[in-house]
Amino acid sequence: MVAGLVSQNIVLLFTHNLTLIVTVLSIFAGSLAAGLAGFAFSAISGAILFHWLPPIEAVPLLLACSITTQLLSITKLWRTMQWRQCLPYLLGGLAGLPVGAKLLEDFNPHTFAVWFGIFLISYSLCTLLRPQFTCTKGGRFAELAVGFAGGITGGATAFPGALPTIWCNVKGLSKGDQRGIVQPFIFLMQIATLIYFSRLGILATATWKTFLWCTPAVVIGTCVGLSFFHRVDDGKFRRIVLLFLLISGATLLL
């Protein structure tokens, strides 16, 4: 009887420690990607975390860690931030956030993620095959619509930055201009999402405990990613963005 209880406790302790190690490593990988490309944190980290944690726990943790890596990146790239140009995206995103949160609570988030992943893969492959394709059309209404769609994906999958990133990519913006728009959008949208989740009672004490364990991995991963970002030109950055969009789409299918 006693031996059985001891064995059970050892197994539980091992499982808990293994889960924590996997969580920290996945957060580091996502932070590295976010530091380099400005987005894809939730897709890279979530590809692993969603196999270890239920979505209702994984999404708030991804949000908290992503906010941290975005804040670090904004601090390092402060002069390139374009807060005014980001405003239409943000207004649309805030309107779309409750829709995404509703999907997370009441529907099957995996089904939504699969279709979104197929879209990301299709766009990435098409653009990699036609790298010179750009579109200069589309005004404020298009930016509002892109932000609204980003709010939905942010609330449902903690991944608001994909569609604004695609839009900036389609418009052929430089790496500095793209990050100047997408970075503030992701940062402010994820703060809003975290606040919204706390009001819904989705956040749990365990989320904050795990976040504290993950903080060093977030800081180190982001700093390493930023050092790579400064070393690539606009052409390489565009290909990196497409590659991360492709990876993001593939991870959502898992």
C-alpha atoms as a PDB file:
ATOM      1  CA  MET A   1       0.000   0.000   0.000  1.00  0.00           C
ATOM      2  CA  VAL A   2       2.711   2.448   1.073  1.00  0.00           C
ATOM      3  CA  ALA A   3       4.994   1.352  -1.780  1.00  0.00           C
ATOM      4  CA  GLY A   4       2.153   1.929  -4.237  1.00  0.00           C
ATOM      5  CA  LEU A   5       1.552   5.454  -2.949  1.00  0.00           C
ATOM      6  CA  VAL A   6       5.271   6.253  -3.135  1.00  0.00           C
ATOM      7  CA  SER A   7       5.466   4.971  -6.710  1.00  0.00           C
ATOM      8  CA  GLN A   8       2.415   6.992  -7.667  1.00  0.00           C
ATOM      9  CA  ASN A   9       3.895  10.167  -6.159  1.00  0.00           C
ATOM     10  CA  ILE A  10       7.195   9.604  -7.996  1.00  0.00           C
ATOM     11  CA  VAL A  11       5.350   9.205 -11.304  1.00  0.00           C
ATOM     12  CA  LEU A  12       3.322  12.376 -10.673  1.00  0.00           C
ATOM     13  CA  LEU A  13       6.469  14.341  -9.754  1.00  0.00           C
ATOM     14  CA  PHE A  14       8.299  13.109 -12.853  1.00  0.00           C
ATOM     15  CA  THR A  15       5.342  13.984 -15.091  1.00  0.00           C
ATOM     16  CA  HIS A  16       5.060  17.464 -13.551  1.00  0.00           C
ATOM     17  CA  ASN A  17       8.780  18.179 -13.986  1.00  0.00           C
ATOM     18  CA  LEU A  18       8.775  16.865 -17.561  1.00  0.00           C
ATOM     19  CA  THR A  19       5.789  19.069 -18.408  1.00  0.00           C
ATOM     20  CA  LEU A  20       7.559  22.101 -16.956  1.00  0.00           C
ATOM     21  CA  ILE A  21      10.769  21.380 -18.900  1.00  0.00           C
ATOM     22  CA  VAL A  22       8.865  20.954 -22.168  1.00  0.00           C
ATOM     23  CA  THR A  23       6.907  24.142 -21.459  1.00  0.00           C
ATOM     24  CA  VAL A  24      10.050  26.213 -20.825  1.00  0.00           C
ATOM     25  CA  LEU A  25      11.793  24.872 -23.949  1.00  0.00           C
ATOM     26  CA  SER A  26       8.759  25.571 -26.125  1.00  0.00           C
ATOM     27  CA  ILE A  27       8.529  29.114 -24.730  1.00  0.00           C
ATOM     28  CA  PHE A  28      12.211  29.663 -25.541  1.00  0.00           C
ATOM     29  CA  ALA A  29      11.690  28.492 -29.149  1.00  0.00           C
ATOM     30  CA  GLY A  30       8.698  30.798 -29.582  1.00  0.00           C
ATOM     31  CA  SER A  31      10.575  33.754 -28.086  1.00  0.00           C
ATOM     32  CA  LEU A  32      13.481  33.170 -30.458  1.00  0.00           C
ATOM     33  CA  ALA A  33      11.107  33.230 -33.440  1.00  0.00           C
ATOM     34  CA  ALA A  34       9.307  36.338 -32.170  1.00  0.00           C
ATOM     35  CA  GLY A  35      12.567  38.175 -31.586  1.00  0.00           C
ATOM     36  CA  LEU A  36      13.656  37.427 -35.154  1.00  0.00           C
ATOM     37  CA  ALA A  37      10.392  37.863 -37.094  1.00  0.00           C
ATOM     38  CA  GLY A  38       8.222  39.916 -34.712  1.00  0.00           C
ATOM     39  CA  PHE A  39       5.468  37.286 -34.551  1.00  0.00           C
ATOM     40  CA  ALA A  40       4.854  33.500 -34.565  1.00  0.00           C
ATOM     41  CA  PHE A  41       5.478  33.100 -30.825  1.00  0.00           C
ATOM     42  CA  SER A  42       2.125  31.455 -30.158  1.00  0.00           C
ATOM     43  CA  ALA A  43       2.327  29.224 -33.226  1.00  0.00           C
ATOM     44  CA  ILE A  44       5.814  27.905 -32.468  1.00  0.00           C
ATOM     45  CA  SER A  45       5.302  27.492 -28.723  1.00  0.00           C
ATOM     46  CA  GLY A  46       1.688  26.430 -29.051  1.00  0.00           C
ATOM     47  CA  ALA A  47       2.571  23.595 -31.426  1.00  0.00           C
ATOM     48  CA  ILE A  48       4.192  21.889 -28.444  1.00  0.00           C
ATOM     49  CA  LEU A  49       2.167  23.270 -25.541  1.00  0.00           C
ATOM     50  CA  PHE A  50      -1.222  22.261 -26.909  1.00  0.00           C
ATOM     51  CA  HIS A  51      -0.083  18.626 -26.704  1.00  0.00           C
ATOM     52  CA  TRP A  52       0.794  19.009 -23.009  1.00  0.00           C
ATOM     53  CA  LEU A  53      -1.748  21.486 -21.685  1.00  0.00           C
ATOM     54  CA  PRO A  54      -5.473  21.963 -22.359  1.00  0.00           C
ATOM     55  CA  PRO A  55      -6.224  25.045 -24.543  1.00  0.00           C
ATOM     56  CA  ILE A  56      -7.941  26.841 -21.662  1.00  0.00           C
ATOM     57  CA  GLU A  57      -4.574  26.791 -19.799  1.00  0.00           C
ATOM     58  CA  ALA A  58      -2.193  27.031 -22.760  1.00  0.00           C
ATOM     59  CA  VAL A  59      -3.730  30.115 -24.412  1.00  0.00           C
ATOM     60  CA  PRO A  60      -3.464  32.430 -21.348  1.00  0.00           C
ATOM     61  CA  LEU A  61       0.127  31.264 -20.735  1.00  0.00           C
ATOM     62  CA  LEU A  62       1.020  31.932 -24.377  1.00  0.00           C
ATOM     63  CA  LEU A  63      -0.531  35.384 -24.102  1.00  0.00           C
ATOM     64  CA  ALA A  64       1.422  36.294 -20.954  1.00  0.00           C
ATOM     65  CA  CYS A  65       4.749  35.143 -22.414  1.00  0.00           C
ATOM     66  CA  SER A  66       4.062  36.724 -25.795  1.00  0.00           C
ATOM     67  CA  ILE A  67       3.291  40.078 -24.154  1.00  0.00           C
ATOM     68  CA  THR A  68       6.666  39.887 -22.441  1.00  0.00           C
ATOM     69  CA  THR A  69       8.596  39.143 -25.635  1.00  0.00           C
ATOM     70  CA  GLN A  70       6.700  41.861 -27.526  1.00  0.00           C
ATOM     71  CA  LEU A  71       7.496  44.390 -24.814  1.00  0.00           C
ATOM     72  CA  LEU A  72      11.193  43.521 -24.978  1.00  0.00           C
ATOM     73  CA  SER A  73      11.197  43.851 -28.779  1.00  0.00           C
ATOM     74  CA  ILE A  74       9.359  47.187 -28.701  1.00  0.00           C
ATOM     75  CA  THR A  75      11.858  48.530 -26.173  1.00  0.00           C
ATOM     76  CA  LYS A  76      14.797  47.499 -28.366  1.00  0.00           C
ATOM     77  CA  LEU A  77      13.172  48.750 -31.612  1.00  0.00           C
ATOM     78  CA  TRP A  78      11.425  51.810 -30.173  1.00  0.00           C
ATOM     79  CA  ARG A  79      12.491  54.209 -32.954  1.00  0.00           C
ATOM     80  CA  THR A  80      10.901  52.055 -35.649  1.00  0.00           C
ATOM     81  CA  MET A  81       7.479  51.764 -33.941  1.00  0.00           C
ATOM     82  CA  GLN A  82       4.598  53.328 -35.913  1.00  0.00           C
ATOM     83  CA  TRP A  83       1.841  53.778 -33.349  1.00  0.00           C
ATOM     84  CA  ARG A  84      -0.347  56.039 -35.505  1.00  0.00           C
ATOM     85  CA  GLN A  85      -0.273  53.691 -38.510  1.00  0.00           C
ATOM     86  CA  CYS A  86      -1.150  50.814 -36.173  1.00  0.00           C
ATOM     87  CA  LEU A  87      -4.350  52.478 -34.892  1.00  0.00           C
ATOM     88  CA  PRO A  88      -6.798  51.221 -37.605  1.00  0.00           C
ATOM     89  CA  TYR A  89      -5.566  47.652 -37.138  1.00  0.00           C
ATOM     90  CA  LEU A  90      -5.972  47.973 -33.376  1.00  0.00           C
ATOM     91  CA  LEU A  91      -9.529  49.338 -33.567  1.00  0.00           C
ATOM     92  CA  GLY A  92     -10.539  46.457 -35.800  1.00  0.00           C
ATOM     93  CA  GLY A  93      -8.729  43.972 -33.565  1.00  0.00           C
ATOM     94  CA  LEU A  94     -10.537  45.103 -30.427  1.00  0.00           C
ATOM     95  CA  ALA A  95     -13.871  44.620 -32.205  1.00  0.00           C
ATOM     96  CA  GLY A  96     -12.907  41.100 -33.281  1.00  0.00           C
ATOM     97  CA  LEU A  97     -11.561  39.986 -29.897  1.00  0.00           C
ATOM     98  CA  PRO A  98     -14.919  38.995 -28.302  1.00  0.00           C
ATOM     99  CA  VAL A  99     -15.709  36.873 -31.362  1.00  0.00           C
ATOM    100  CA  GLY A 100     -12.465  34.954 -30.975  1.00  0.00           C
ATOM    101  CA  ALA A 101     -12.974  34.508 -27.223  1.00  0.00           C
ATOM    102  CA  LYS A 102     -16.445  33.119 -27.926  1.00  0.00           C
ATOM    103  CA  LEU A 103     -14.926  30.567 -30.292  1.00  0.00           C
ATOM    104  CA  LEU A 104     -12.469  29.519 -27.575  1.00  0.00           C
ATOM    105  CA  GLU A 105     -15.194  29.076 -24.954  1.00  0.00           C
ATOM    106  CA  ASP A 106     -18.149  27.633 -26.841  1.00  0.00           C
ATOM    107  CA  PHE A 107     -16.850  26.011 -30.023  1.00  0.00           C
ATOM    108  CA  ASN A 108     -14.099  23.632 -31.088  1.00  0.00           C
ATOM    109  CA  PRO A 109     -10.936  25.770 -31.288  1.00  0.00           C
ATOM    110  CA  HIS A 110      -9.052  22.955 -33.036  1.00  0.00           C
ATOM    111  CA  THR A 111     -11.406  23.053 -36.045  1.00  0.00           C
ATOM    112  CA  PHE A 112     -10.921  26.802 -36.367  1.00  0.00           C
ATOM    113  CA  ALA A 113      -7.157  26.414 -36.014  1.00  0.00           C
ATOM    114  CA  VAL A 114      -7.034  23.765 -38.765  1.00  0.00           C
ATOM    115  CA  TRP A 115      -8.789  25.976 -41.320  1.00  0.00           C
ATOM    116  CA  PHE A 116      -6.653  28.946 -40.345  1.00  0.00           C
ATOM    117  CA  GLY A 117      -3.550  26.780 -40.683  1.00  0.00           C
ATOM    118  CA  ILE A 118      -4.571  25.692 -44.192  1.00  0.00           C
ATOM    119  CA  PHE A 119      -4.943  29.348 -45.164  1.00  0.00           C
ATOM    120  CA  LEU A 120      -1.493  30.251 -43.821  1.00  0.00           C
ATOM    121  CA  ILE A 121       0.154  27.339 -45.624  1.00  0.00           C
ATOM    122  CA  SER A 122      -1.578  28.204 -48.912  1.00  0.00           C
ATOM    123  CA  TYR A 123      -0.593  31.864 -48.723  1.00  0.00           C
ATOM    124  CA  SER A 124       3.012  31.122 -47.778  1.00  0.00           C
ATOM    125  CA  LEU A 125       3.539  28.591 -50.563  1.00  0.00           C
ATOM    126  CA  CYS A 126       1.932  30.827 -53.190  1.00  0.00           C
ATOM    127  CA  THR A 127       4.013  33.831 -52.151  1.00  0.00           C
ATOM    128  CA  LEU A 128       7.239  31.835 -52.019  1.00  0.00           C
ATOM    129  CA  LEU A 129       6.534  30.708 -55.593  1.00  0.00           C
ATOM    130  CA  ARG A 130       5.738  34.295 -56.639  1.00  0.00           C
ATOM    131  CA  PRO A 131       8.101  36.359 -54.452  1.00  0.00           C
ATOM    132  CA  GLN A 132       7.674  39.586 -56.444  1.00  0.00           C
ATOM    133  CA  PHE A 133       3.902  39.831 -55.888  1.00  0.00           C
ATOM    134  CA  THR A 134       2.849  43.043 -54.116  1.00  0.00           C
ATOM    135  CA  CYS A 135      -0.369  45.044 -53.817  1.00  0.00           C
ATOM    136  CA  THR A 136      -0.367  48.744 -53.025  1.00  0.00           C
ATOM    137  CA  LYS A 137      -4.175  49.092 -52.957  1.00  0.00           C
ATOM    138  CA  GLY A 138      -6.329  49.089 -49.847  1.00  0.00           C
ATOM    139  CA  GLY A 139      -6.875  51.946 -47.419  1.00  0.00           C
ATOM    140  CA  ARG A 140      -8.130  52.351 -43.883  1.00  0.00           C
ATOM    141  CA  PHE A 141     -11.122  50.048 -44.383  1.00  0.00           C
ATOM    142  CA  ALA A 142      -8.814  47.205 -45.399  1.00  0.00           C
ATOM    143  CA  GLU A 143      -6.623  47.846 -42.354  1.00  0.00           C
ATOM    144  CA  LEU A 144      -9.703  47.776 -40.090  1.00  0.00           C
ATOM    145  CA  ALA A 145     -10.844  44.492 -41.680  1.00  0.00           C
ATOM    146  CA  VAL A 146      -7.394  42.918 -41.299  1.00  0.00           C
ATOM    147  CA  GLY A 147      -7.269  44.037 -37.668  1.00  0.00           C
ATOM    148  CA  PHE A 148     -10.763  42.610 -37.033  1.00  0.00           C
ATOM    149  CA  ALA A 149      -9.711  39.235 -38.421  1.00  0.00           C
ATOM    150  CA  GLY A 150      -6.538  39.403 -36.318  1.00  0.00           C
ATOM    151  CA  GLY A 151      -8.663  40.011 -33.223  1.00  0.00           C
ATOM    152  CA  ILE A 152     -10.669  36.869 -33.939  1.00  0.00           C
ATOM    153  CA  THR A 153      -7.569  34.689 -34.380  1.00  0.00           C
ATOM    154  CA  GLY A 154      -6.015  36.281 -31.304  1.00  0.00           C
ATOM    155  CA  GLY A 155      -8.978  35.489 -29.090  1.00  0.00           C
ATOM    156  CA  ALA A 156      -9.342  31.953 -30.415  1.00  0.00           C
ATOM    157  CA  THR A 157      -5.701  30.873 -30.760  1.00  0.00           C
ATOM    158  CA  ALA A 158      -3.581  33.617 -29.062  1.00  0.00           C
ATOM    159  CA  PHE A 159      -2.185  34.363 -32.546  1.00  0.00           C
ATOM    160  CA  PRO A 160      -3.344  37.867 -33.634  1.00  0.00           C
ATOM    161  CA  GLY A 161      -0.315  38.848 -35.705  1.00  0.00           C
ATOM    162  CA  ALA A 162      -0.539  36.513 -38.728  1.00  0.00           C
ATOM    163  CA  LEU A 163      -3.056  38.449 -40.832  1.00  0.00           C
ATOM    164  CA  PRO A 164      -1.562  41.933 -40.221  1.00  0.00           C
ATOM    165  CA  THR A 165       1.832  40.398 -41.035  1.00  0.00           C
ATOM    166  CA  ILE A 166       0.467  38.987 -44.293  1.00  0.00           C
ATOM    167  CA  TRP A 167      -1.076  42.344 -45.191  1.00  0.00           C
ATOM    168  CA  CYS A 168       2.195  44.205 -44.581  1.00  0.00           C
ATOM    169  CA  ASN A 169       4.008  41.519 -46.560  1.00  0.00           C
ATOM    170  CA  VAL A 170       1.608  41.863 -49.490  1.00  0.00           C
ATOM    171  CA  LYS A 171       2.137  45.629 -49.487  1.00  0.00           C
ATOM    172  CA  GLY A 172       5.886  45.073 -49.756  1.00  0.00           C
ATOM    173  CA  LEU A 173       6.833  47.015 -46.619  1.00  0.00           C
ATOM    174  CA  SER A 174      10.422  47.016 -45.385  1.00  0.00           C
ATOM    175  CA  LYS A 175      11.335  44.934 -42.354  1.00  0.00           C
ATOM    176  CA  GLY A 176      11.431  48.062 -40.170  1.00  0.00           C
ATOM    177  CA  ASP A 177       8.036  49.364 -41.336  1.00  0.00           C
ATOM    178  CA  GLN A 178       6.462  45.926 -41.000  1.00  0.00           C
ATOM    179  CA  ARG A 179       7.652  45.442 -37.435  1.00  0.00           C
ATOM    180  CA  GLY A 180       6.732  49.053 -36.638  1.00  0.00           C
ATOM    181  CA  ILE A 181       3.083  48.218 -37.379  1.00  0.00           C
ATOM    182  CA  VAL A 182       2.748  44.550 -36.436  1.00  0.00           C
ATOM    183  CA  GLN A 183       4.721  44.700 -33.180  1.00  0.00           C
ATOM    184  CA  PRO A 184       2.512  47.326 -31.427  1.00  0.00           C
ATOM    185  CA  PHE A 185      -0.618  45.596 -32.762  1.00  0.00           C
ATOM    186  CA  ILE A 186       0.331  42.227 -31.294  1.00  0.00           C
ATOM    187  CA  PHE A 187       1.463  43.787 -28.015  1.00  0.00           C
ATOM    188  CA  LEU A 188      -1.684  45.859 -27.407  1.00  0.00           C
ATOM    189  CA  MET A 189      -4.048  43.162 -28.695  1.00  0.00           C
ATOM    190  CA  GLN A 190      -2.603  40.542 -26.409  1.00  0.00           C
ATOM    191  CA  ILE A 191      -2.817  42.844 -23.397  1.00  0.00           C
ATOM    192  CA  ALA A 192      -6.477  43.443 -24.274  1.00  0.00           C
ATOM    193  CA  THR A 193      -7.040  39.700 -24.707  1.00  0.00           C
ATOM    194  CA  LEU A 194      -5.431  38.907 -21.362  1.00  0.00           C
ATOM    195  CA  ILE A 195      -7.629  41.511 -19.626  1.00  0.00           C
ATOM    196  CA  TYR A 196     -10.703  40.153 -21.392  1.00  0.00           C
ATOM    197  CA  PHE A 197      -9.859  36.593 -20.354  1.00  0.00           C
ATOM    198  CA  SER A 198      -9.376  37.676 -16.731  1.00  0.00           C
ATOM    199  CA  ARG A 199     -12.862  39.177 -16.742  1.00  0.00           C
ATOM    200  CA  LEU A 200     -14.261  35.941 -18.108  1.00  0.00           C
ATOM    201  CA  GLY A 201     -12.512  34.011 -15.323  1.00  0.00           C
ATOM    202  CA  ILE A 202     -10.389  32.013 -17.778  1.00  0.00           C
ATOM    203  CA  LEU A 203      -7.083  32.828 -16.085  1.00  0.00           C
ATOM    204  CA  ALA A 204      -5.913  30.588 -13.250  1.00  0.00           C
ATOM    205  CA  THR A 205      -3.283  30.913 -10.512  1.00  0.00           C
ATOM    206  CA  ALA A 206      -1.328  28.032 -12.064  1.00  0.00           C
ATOM    207  CA  THR A 207      -0.876  30.108 -15.220  1.00  0.00           C
ATOM    208  CA  TRP A 208       1.029  32.809 -13.346  1.00  0.00           C
ATOM    209  CA  LYS A 209       3.224  30.286 -11.517  1.00  0.00           C
ATOM    210  CA  THR A 210       4.218  28.660 -14.791  1.00  0.00           C
ATOM    211  CA  PHE A 211       4.801  32.091 -16.340  1.00  0.00           C
ATOM    212  CA  LEU A 212       7.375  32.939 -13.656  1.00  0.00           C
ATOM    213  CA  TRP A 213       9.287  29.762 -14.497  1.00  0.00           C
ATOM    214  CA  CYS A 214       9.213  30.682 -18.195  1.00  0.00           C
ATOM    215  CA  THR A 215      10.328  34.330 -17.860  1.00  0.00           C
ATOM    216  CA  PRO A 216      14.115  33.679 -18.220  1.00  0.00           C
ATOM    217  CA  ALA A 217      13.478  31.633 -21.372  1.00  0.00           C
ATOM    218  CA  VAL A 218      11.395  34.505 -22.809  1.00  0.00           C
ATOM    219  CA  VAL A 219      14.109  37.095 -22.153  1.00  0.00           C
ATOM    220  CA  ILE A 220      17.014  35.014 -23.495  1.00  0.00           C
ATOM    221  CA  GLY A 221      15.124  33.769 -26.555  1.00  0.00           C
ATOM    222  CA  THR A 222      13.920  37.263 -27.507  1.00  0.00           C
ATOM    223  CA  CYS A 223      17.382  38.834 -27.193  1.00  0.00           C
ATOM    224  CA  VAL A 224      18.954  36.121 -29.355  1.00  0.00           C
ATOM    225  CA  GLY A 225      16.221  36.534 -31.972  1.00  0.00           C
ATOM    226  CA  LEU A 226      16.672  40.321 -32.076  1.00  0.00           C
ATOM    227  CA  SER A 227      20.393  39.933 -32.655  1.00  0.00           C
ATOM    228  CA  PHE A 228      19.590  37.826 -35.755  1.00  0.00           C
ATOM    229  CA  PHE A 229      16.986  40.386 -36.917  1.00  0.00           C
ATOM    230  CA  HIS A 230      19.577  43.154 -37.139  1.00  0.00           C
ATOM    231  CA  ARG A 231      21.786  40.989 -39.361  1.00  0.00           C
ATOM    232  CA  VAL A 232      19.299  40.241 -42.183  1.00  0.00           C
ATOM    233  CA  ASP A 233      18.264  42.499 -45.077  1.00  0.00           C
ATOM    234  CA  ASP A 234      14.698  43.129 -46.304  1.00  0.00           C
ATOM    235  CA  GLY A 235      14.777  40.267 -48.822  1.00  0.00           C
ATOM    236  CA  LYS A 236      15.922  37.695 -46.300  1.00  0.00           C
ATOM    237  CA  PHE A 237      13.473  39.044 -43.724  1.00  0.00           C
ATOM    238  CA  ARG A 238      10.580  38.621 -46.168  1.00  0.00           C
ATOM    239  CA  ARG A 239      11.559  34.982 -46.765  1.00  0.00           C
ATOM    240  CA  ILE A 240      11.928  34.404 -43.026  1.00  0.00           C
ATOM    241  CA  VAL A 241       8.435  35.803 -42.450  1.00  0.00           C
ATOM    242  CA  LEU A 242       6.977  33.513 -45.116  1.00  0.00           C
ATOM    243  CA  LEU A 243       8.812  30.542 -43.640  1.00  0.00           C
ATOM    244  CA  PHE A 244       7.441  31.268 -40.164  1.00  0.00           C
ATOM    245  CA  LEU A 245       3.942  31.716 -41.586  1.00  0.00           C
ATOM    246  CA  LEU A 246       4.314  28.322 -43.265  1.00  0.00           C
ATOM    247  CA  ILE A 247       5.538  26.727 -40.030  1.00  0.00           C
ATOM    248  CA  SER A 248       2.757  28.451 -38.096  1.00  0.00           C
ATOM    249  CA  GLY A 249       0.140  27.076 -40.453  1.00  0.00           C
ATOM    250  CA  ALA A 250       1.603  23.577 -40.235  1.00  0.00           C
ATOM    251  CA  THR A 251       1.638  23.627 -36.433  1.00  0.00           C
ATOM    252  CA  LEU A 252      -2.017  24.603 -36.336  1.00  0.00           C
ATOM    253  CA  LEU A 253      -2.856  21.397 -38.200  1.00  0.00           C
ATOM    254  CA  LEU A 254      -1.337  19.197 -35.475  1.00  0.00           C
END
